[in-house]
Structures are given as C-alpha cells and as structure tokens.
C-alpha cells in the first residue's frame, strides 16, 4: 500500500498520511461544482441530441402549401392532400395551421397543409 504525505496549510499544522485508495472528500464548493458540471453537460447533451433528431432522416418534413381549386371545399382539399388519412383530422389540422375560423375556403386561396404520409 502506498501512502502520500499531505501538508496542511499553514505548514505549522500537523501532517496527515492518506492512503492512495482512500475516498476523495469534496468540500461543499467542490460538490456544487461537480453537480453544476453534470447538469450543464446533461442540458447540452440533450439539446444537441434534440437538434440532431429534428433534422434526422426520420423527421417529418415541413408543411407544404396547396392552392384551393375553384369550387373545392376544405374537405376535398383534405382528401386530396392526404387520401389515406381521416379527412376530419386533416380538416382540423388545416384550419389550425391557417388560423381559419371555419371550413370556408375560396378558389385560388393558398393553404398550408400537413405533410403527406
């Protein structure tokens, strides 16, 4: 077993011997520094992970824009942009994305619609 000599400051105080395998004792400030470093690294890691997932291959594409055809209803637009989805859900999403008060649309109107898929 190896031992290390640690001098206490000021040098006039007693000298204690600490074995190399003994536990490290941190002061209150040291513990606070370790906890803060862990929290900062966790926050940075999660933000980096979140930003890489947002642009990853499995992420949904941004909304697209369609033009309402003359005589077309919002229901028909919903069926056209998402033929395999429930039109009620798509109508609601289109209304929310475009801040519409109701399902009334006009020919030539540009609407943001959810991505296909």
C-alpha atoms as a PDB file:
ATOM      1  CA  UNK A   1       0.000   0.000   0.000  1.00  0.00           C
ATOM      2  CA  UNK A   2       1.366   3.395  -0.889  1.00  0.00           C
ATOM      3  CA  UNK A   3       0.894   6.490   1.201  1.00  0.00           C
ATOM      4  CA  UNK A   4       1.114  10.123   0.327  1.00  0.00           C
ATOM      5  CA  UNK A   5       2.084  12.939   2.623  1.00  0.00           C
ATOM      6  CA  UNK A   6      -0.215  15.926   2.529  1.00  0.00           C
ATOM      7  CA  UNK A   7       0.896  19.057   4.265  1.00  0.00           C
ATOM      8  CA  UNK A   8      -1.742  21.146   5.937  1.00  0.00           C
ATOM      9  CA  UNK A   9      -1.518  24.856   5.317  1.00  0.00           C
ATOM     10  CA  UNK A  10      -0.170  26.770   7.100  1.00  0.00           C
ATOM     11  CA  UNK A  11       2.823  24.475   7.247  1.00  0.00           C
ATOM     12  CA  UNK A  12       2.985  24.684  11.041  1.00  0.00           C
ATOM     13  CA  UNK A  13      -0.002  22.334  11.382  1.00  0.00           C
ATOM     14  CA  UNK A  14       0.181  18.553  11.737  1.00  0.00           C
ATOM     15  CA  UNK A  15       0.862  16.338   8.732  1.00  0.00           C
ATOM     16  CA  UNK A  16      -1.541  13.508   7.970  1.00  0.00           C
ATOM     17  CA  UNK A  17      -0.946  10.487   5.876  1.00  0.00           C
ATOM     18  CA  UNK A  18      -3.567   9.398   3.346  1.00  0.00           C
ATOM     19  CA  UNK A  19      -3.526   6.068   1.586  1.00  0.00           C
ATOM     20  CA  UNK A  20      -3.849   6.080  -2.195  1.00  0.00           C
ATOM     21  CA  UNK A  21      -7.075   4.030  -2.098  1.00  0.00           C
ATOM     22  CA  UNK A  22      -8.984   6.259   0.292  1.00  0.00           C
ATOM     23  CA  UNK A  23     -12.110   8.053  -0.836  1.00  0.00           C
ATOM     24  CA  UNK A  24     -11.891  11.581  -2.152  1.00  0.00           C
ATOM     25  CA  UNK A  25     -13.656  14.106   0.018  1.00  0.00           C
ATOM     26  CA  UNK A  26     -15.074  17.200  -1.610  1.00  0.00           C
ATOM     27  CA  UNK A  27     -15.893  20.455   0.070  1.00  0.00           C
ATOM     28  CA  UNK A  28     -19.315  21.983  -0.286  1.00  0.00           C
ATOM     29  CA  UNK A  29     -17.998  24.170  -3.112  1.00  0.00           C
ATOM     30  CA  UNK A  30     -16.460  21.130  -4.814  1.00  0.00           C
ATOM     31  CA  UNK A  31     -19.709  19.161  -4.628  1.00  0.00           C
ATOM     32  CA  UNK A  32     -21.589  22.151  -6.032  1.00  0.00           C
ATOM     33  CA  UNK A  33     -19.104  22.407  -8.902  1.00  0.00           C
ATOM     34  CA  UNK A  34     -19.478  18.695  -9.718  1.00  0.00           C
ATOM     35  CA  UNK A  35     -23.285  18.887  -9.659  1.00  0.00           C
ATOM     36  CA  UNK A  36     -23.340  22.019 -11.824  1.00  0.00           C
ATOM     37  CA  UNK A  37     -20.934  20.463 -14.319  1.00  0.00           C
ATOM     38  CA  UNK A  38     -23.149  17.367 -14.544  1.00  0.00           C
ATOM     39  CA  UNK A  39     -26.270  19.471 -15.061  1.00  0.00           C
ATOM     40  CA  UNK A  40     -24.644  21.629 -17.721  1.00  0.00           C
ATOM     41  CA  UNK A  41     -23.383  18.592 -19.600  1.00  0.00           C
ATOM     42  CA  UNK A  42     -26.829  16.951 -19.385  1.00  0.00           C
ATOM     43  CA  UNK A  43     -28.566  20.054 -20.734  1.00  0.00           C
ATOM     44  CA  UNK A  44     -26.050  20.497 -23.536  1.00  0.00           C
ATOM     45  CA  UNK A  45     -26.199  16.821 -24.411  1.00  0.00           C
ATOM     46  CA  UNK A  46     -29.981  16.763 -24.558  1.00  0.00           C
ATOM     47  CA  UNK A  47     -30.141  19.936 -26.639  1.00  0.00           C
ATOM     48  CA  UNK A  48     -27.580  18.587 -29.090  1.00  0.00           C
ATOM     49  CA  UNK A  49     -29.415  15.281 -29.250  1.00  0.00           C
ATOM     50  CA  UNK A  50     -32.728  17.049 -29.783  1.00  0.00           C
ATOM     51  CA  UNK A  51     -31.403  19.219 -32.597  1.00  0.00           C
ATOM     52  CA  UNK A  52     -29.821  16.258 -34.374  1.00  0.00           C
ATOM     53  CA  UNK A  53     -33.060  14.294 -34.155  1.00  0.00           C
ATOM     54  CA  UNK A  54     -35.091  17.215 -35.507  1.00  0.00           C
ATOM     55  CA  UNK A  55     -33.055  17.205 -38.707  1.00  0.00           C
ATOM     56  CA  UNK A  56     -32.616  13.451 -38.851  1.00  0.00           C
ATOM     57  CA  UNK A  57     -33.800  11.134 -41.592  1.00  0.00           C
ATOM     58  CA  UNK A  58     -36.898  10.051 -39.632  1.00  0.00           C
ATOM     59  CA  UNK A  59     -38.189  13.568 -39.019  1.00  0.00           C
ATOM     60  CA  UNK A  60     -41.346  14.830 -40.692  1.00  0.00           C
ATOM     61  CA  UNK A  61     -40.890  17.376 -43.476  1.00  0.00           C
ATOM     62  CA  UNK A  62     -42.143  20.922 -43.049  1.00  0.00           C
ATOM     63  CA  UNK A  63     -45.686  21.799 -44.014  1.00  0.00           C
ATOM     64  CA  UNK A  64     -46.347  22.387 -47.678  1.00  0.00           C
ATOM     65  CA  UNK A  65     -48.661  24.803 -49.435  1.00  0.00           C
ATOM     66  CA  UNK A  66     -51.510  23.968 -51.824  1.00  0.00           C
ATOM     67  CA  UNK A  67     -53.847  26.155 -53.838  1.00  0.00           C
ATOM     68  CA  UNK A  68     -57.596  25.659 -53.449  1.00  0.00           C
ATOM     69  CA  UNK A  69     -59.207  24.911 -56.818  1.00  0.00           C
ATOM     70  CA  UNK A  70     -62.401  26.799 -57.805  1.00  0.00           C
ATOM     71  CA  UNK A  71     -65.435  25.142 -56.222  1.00  0.00           C
ATOM     72  CA  UNK A  72     -63.315  22.932 -53.946  1.00  0.00           C
ATOM     73  CA  UNK A  73     -64.233  22.586 -50.267  1.00  0.00           C
ATOM     74  CA  UNK A  74     -61.859  22.212 -47.358  1.00  0.00           C
ATOM     75  CA  UNK A  75     -62.971  18.580 -47.073  1.00  0.00           C
ATOM     76  CA  UNK A  76     -61.980  17.956 -50.695  1.00  0.00           C
ATOM     77  CA  UNK A  77     -58.612  19.626 -50.098  1.00  0.00           C
ATOM     78  CA  UNK A  78     -58.074  17.353 -47.091  1.00  0.00           C
ATOM     79  CA  UNK A  79     -58.902  14.246 -49.149  1.00  0.00           C
ATOM     80  CA  UNK A  80     -56.629  15.429 -51.962  1.00  0.00           C
ATOM     81  CA  UNK A  81     -53.583  16.090 -49.760  1.00  0.00           C
ATOM     82  CA  UNK A  82     -53.992  13.030 -47.504  1.00  0.00           C
ATOM     83  CA  UNK A  83     -56.103  10.402 -49.282  1.00  0.00           C
ATOM     84  CA  UNK A  84     -55.452   7.630 -46.749  1.00  0.00           C
ATOM     85  CA  UNK A  85     -55.991   9.706 -43.598  1.00  0.00           C
ATOM     86  CA  UNK A  86     -59.200  10.596 -41.785  1.00  0.00           C
ATOM     87  CA  UNK A  87     -60.412  13.789 -43.529  1.00  0.00           C
ATOM     88  CA  UNK A  88     -61.848  15.153 -40.253  1.00  0.00           C
ATOM     89  CA  UNK A  89     -58.386  15.209 -38.677  1.00  0.00           C
ATOM     90  CA  UNK A  90     -56.791  16.770 -41.758  1.00  0.00           C
ATOM     91  CA  UNK A  91     -59.510  19.465 -41.960  1.00  0.00           C
ATOM     92  CA  UNK A  92     -58.836  20.337 -38.309  1.00  0.00           C
ATOM     93  CA  UNK A  93     -55.066  20.469 -38.908  1.00  0.00           C
ATOM     94  CA  UNK A  94     -55.528  22.713 -41.963  1.00  0.00           C
ATOM     95  CA  UNK A  95     -57.868  25.029 -40.055  1.00  0.00           C
ATOM     96  CA  UNK A  96     -55.370  25.325 -37.184  1.00  0.00           C
ATOM     97  CA  UNK A  97     -52.323  25.779 -39.421  1.00  0.00           C
ATOM     98  CA  UNK A  98     -54.017  28.567 -41.389  1.00  0.00           C
ATOM     99  CA  UNK A  99     -55.924  30.168 -38.474  1.00  0.00           C
ATOM    100  CA  UNK A 100     -59.260  29.655 -40.203  1.00  0.00           C
ATOM    101  CA  UNK A 101     -62.469  30.449 -38.302  1.00  0.00           C
ATOM    102  CA  UNK A 102     -64.327  27.700 -40.164  1.00  0.00           C
ATOM    103  CA  UNK A 103     -64.208  25.403 -43.178  1.00  0.00           C
ATOM    104  CA  UNK A 104     -64.916  28.125 -45.761  1.00  0.00           C
ATOM    105  CA  UNK A 105     -62.220  28.372 -48.442  1.00  0.00           C
ATOM    106  CA  UNK A 106     -62.111  30.123 -51.800  1.00  0.00           C
ATOM    107  CA  UNK A 107     -60.673  29.204 -55.188  1.00  0.00           C
ATOM    108  CA  UNK A 108     -57.101  30.419 -55.521  1.00  0.00           C
ATOM    109  CA  UNK A 109     -56.549  30.560 -51.739  1.00  0.00           C
ATOM    110  CA  UNK A 110     -53.142  29.306 -50.571  1.00  0.00           C
ATOM    111  CA  UNK A 111     -53.317  26.892 -47.624  1.00  0.00           C
ATOM    112  CA  UNK A 112     -50.605  25.315 -45.513  1.00  0.00           C
ATOM    113  CA  UNK A 113     -51.319  21.601 -45.225  1.00  0.00           C
ATOM    114  CA  UNK A 114     -49.706  18.822 -43.199  1.00  0.00           C
ATOM    115  CA  UNK A 115     -47.010  16.798 -44.922  1.00  0.00           C
ATOM    116  CA  UNK A 116     -48.127  13.753 -46.861  1.00  0.00           C
ATOM    117  CA  UNK A 117     -47.626  10.494 -45.037  1.00  0.00           C
END
